[in-house]
Amino acid sequence: MPRAWLITGDGSSLWAEQPPRAAVAGLPTITVDPSAGHQRIEGFGASIPDSSARLLACPPDVYEIVRSLFDPRHGLGLGDLRHFSIAHGRAEILPLLRQAAR
């Protein structure tokens, strides 16, 4: 029997297991067929472009935002973080990357 979990963008539901084949109106549904192998999933992550880094770097919310994304017990537990060029934003981006890596 298929199993389903609900994650909402506003955080009101984080990994809440749903009844089998439950559908929530307006939210996307991902169906996994274990008999069909395409690519192995190694983890999930996030990308922080410049505009997001500037917003995330503004106190007082930076700790809670980073925690909600990367903390495995109190957040989504994302394991990968990518930022493609930090040469022009070291002062804002590197502290965020260091905090996310903790």
Protein backbone atom coordinates (compact mmCIF):
# COMPACT_ATOMS: atom_id res chain seq x y z
CA MET A 1 0.00 0.00 0.00
CA PRO A 2 1.48 3.40 -0.95
CA ARG A 3 2.52 5.78 1.82
CA ALA A 4 2.33 9.56 1.60
CA TRP A 5 3.72 12.48 3.61
CA LEU A 6 2.67 16.12 3.56
CA ILE A 7 5.08 19.06 3.75
CA THR A 8 3.66 22.56 3.45
CA GLY A 9 5.58 25.71 2.61
CA ASP A 10 4.27 27.57 5.65
CA GLY A 11 5.60 24.87 8.00
CA SER A 12 2.17 23.93 9.36
CA SER A 13 2.86 20.35 8.26
CA LEU A 14 6.36 18.83 8.18
CA TRP A 15 6.56 15.17 7.17
CA ALA A 16 3.04 14.40 8.38
CA GLU A 17 2.17 10.90 7.21
CA GLN A 18 -1.11 10.86 5.32
CA PRO A 19 -3.61 8.07 4.84
CA PRO A 20 -2.77 5.83 1.87
CA ARG A 21 -3.47 7.55 -1.46
CA ALA A 22 -4.53 10.75 0.23
CA ALA A 23 -4.54 13.75 -2.05
CA VAL A 24 -4.56 17.34 -0.90
CA ALA A 25 -6.27 19.75 -3.28
CA GLY A 26 -3.91 22.26 -4.81
CA LEU A 27 -0.67 20.54 -3.74
CA PRO A 28 1.58 18.54 -6.08
CA THR A 29 1.67 14.77 -5.77
CA ILE A 30 4.82 12.73 -6.38
CA THR A 31 4.32 9.05 -7.11
CA VAL A 32 7.29 6.73 -6.65
CA ASP A 33 7.28 3.41 -8.45
CA PRO A 34 9.91 1.25 -6.68
CA SER A 35 9.92 -1.21 -9.58
CA ALA A 36 11.18 1.47 -11.99
CA GLY A 37 14.76 2.54 -11.34
CA HIS A 38 16.05 5.69 -13.00
CA GLN A 39 18.39 7.57 -10.71
CA ARG A 40 19.47 7.04 -7.12
CA ILE A 41 18.54 9.84 -4.71
CA GLU A 42 21.47 10.73 -2.49
CA GLY A 43 19.78 13.57 -0.63
CA PHE A 44 17.98 16.86 -0.93
CA GLY A 45 19.45 20.33 -0.76
CA ALA A 46 19.03 24.00 -1.42
CA SER A 47 20.57 26.74 -3.46
CA ILE A 48 21.06 30.24 -2.07
CA PRO A 49 21.29 32.82 -4.86
CA ASP A 50 22.45 36.34 -4.09
CA SER A 51 19.00 37.78 -3.49
CA SER A 52 18.13 35.03 -1.02
CA ALA A 53 21.47 35.35 0.77
CA ARG A 54 20.85 39.06 1.32
CA LEU A 55 17.41 38.38 2.79
CA LEU A 56 18.58 35.46 4.92
CA ALA A 57 21.50 37.46 6.33
CA CYS A 58 19.15 39.96 7.97
CA PRO A 59 18.75 39.34 11.70
CA PRO A 60 16.80 38.27 13.69
CA ASP A 61 15.41 35.48 11.52
CA VAL A 62 18.60 34.04 10.04
CA TYR A 63 19.08 31.35 12.71
CA GLU A 64 15.49 30.12 12.51
CA ILE A 65 15.45 30.11 8.72
CA VAL A 66 18.71 28.17 8.42
CA ARG A 67 17.60 25.79 11.18
CA SER A 68 14.25 25.15 9.47
CA LEU A 69 16.08 24.18 6.27
CA PHE A 70 19.07 22.17 7.51
CA ASP A 71 18.42 20.87 11.04
CA PRO A 72 17.61 17.13 10.80
CA ARG A 73 15.44 17.10 13.94
CA HIS A 74 13.77 20.52 13.93
CA GLY A 75 13.68 21.28 10.21
CA LEU A 76 13.67 19.68 6.79
CA GLY A 77 17.13 18.18 7.24
CA LEU A 78 18.46 19.30 3.86
CA GLY A 79 21.95 17.93 3.39
CA ASP A 80 23.34 19.79 0.40
CA LEU A 81 23.83 23.48 -0.17
CA ARG A 82 25.05 25.07 -3.37
CA HIS A 83 26.03 28.56 -4.28
CA PHE A 84 27.78 28.91 -7.60
CA SER A 85 29.84 32.08 -7.22
CA ILE A 86 30.68 33.71 -3.91
CA ALA A 87 33.57 35.92 -4.99
CA HIS A 88 31.46 39.09 -4.84
CA GLY A 89 29.52 38.22 -1.66
CA ARG A 90 31.91 36.59 0.80
CA ALA A 91 30.80 38.73 3.73
CA GLU A 92 27.16 37.64 3.46
CA ILE A 93 27.27 34.20 1.87
CA LEU A 94 30.14 32.45 3.66
CA PRO A 95 28.66 32.94 7.16
CA LEU A 96 25.39 31.40 5.92
CA LEU A 97 27.22 28.43 4.41
CA ARG A 98 29.20 27.90 7.63
CA GLN A 99 26.03 28.04 9.73
CA ALA A 100 24.25 25.60 7.42
CA ALA A 101 27.17 23.17 7.66
CA ARG A 102 26.89 22.91 11.46
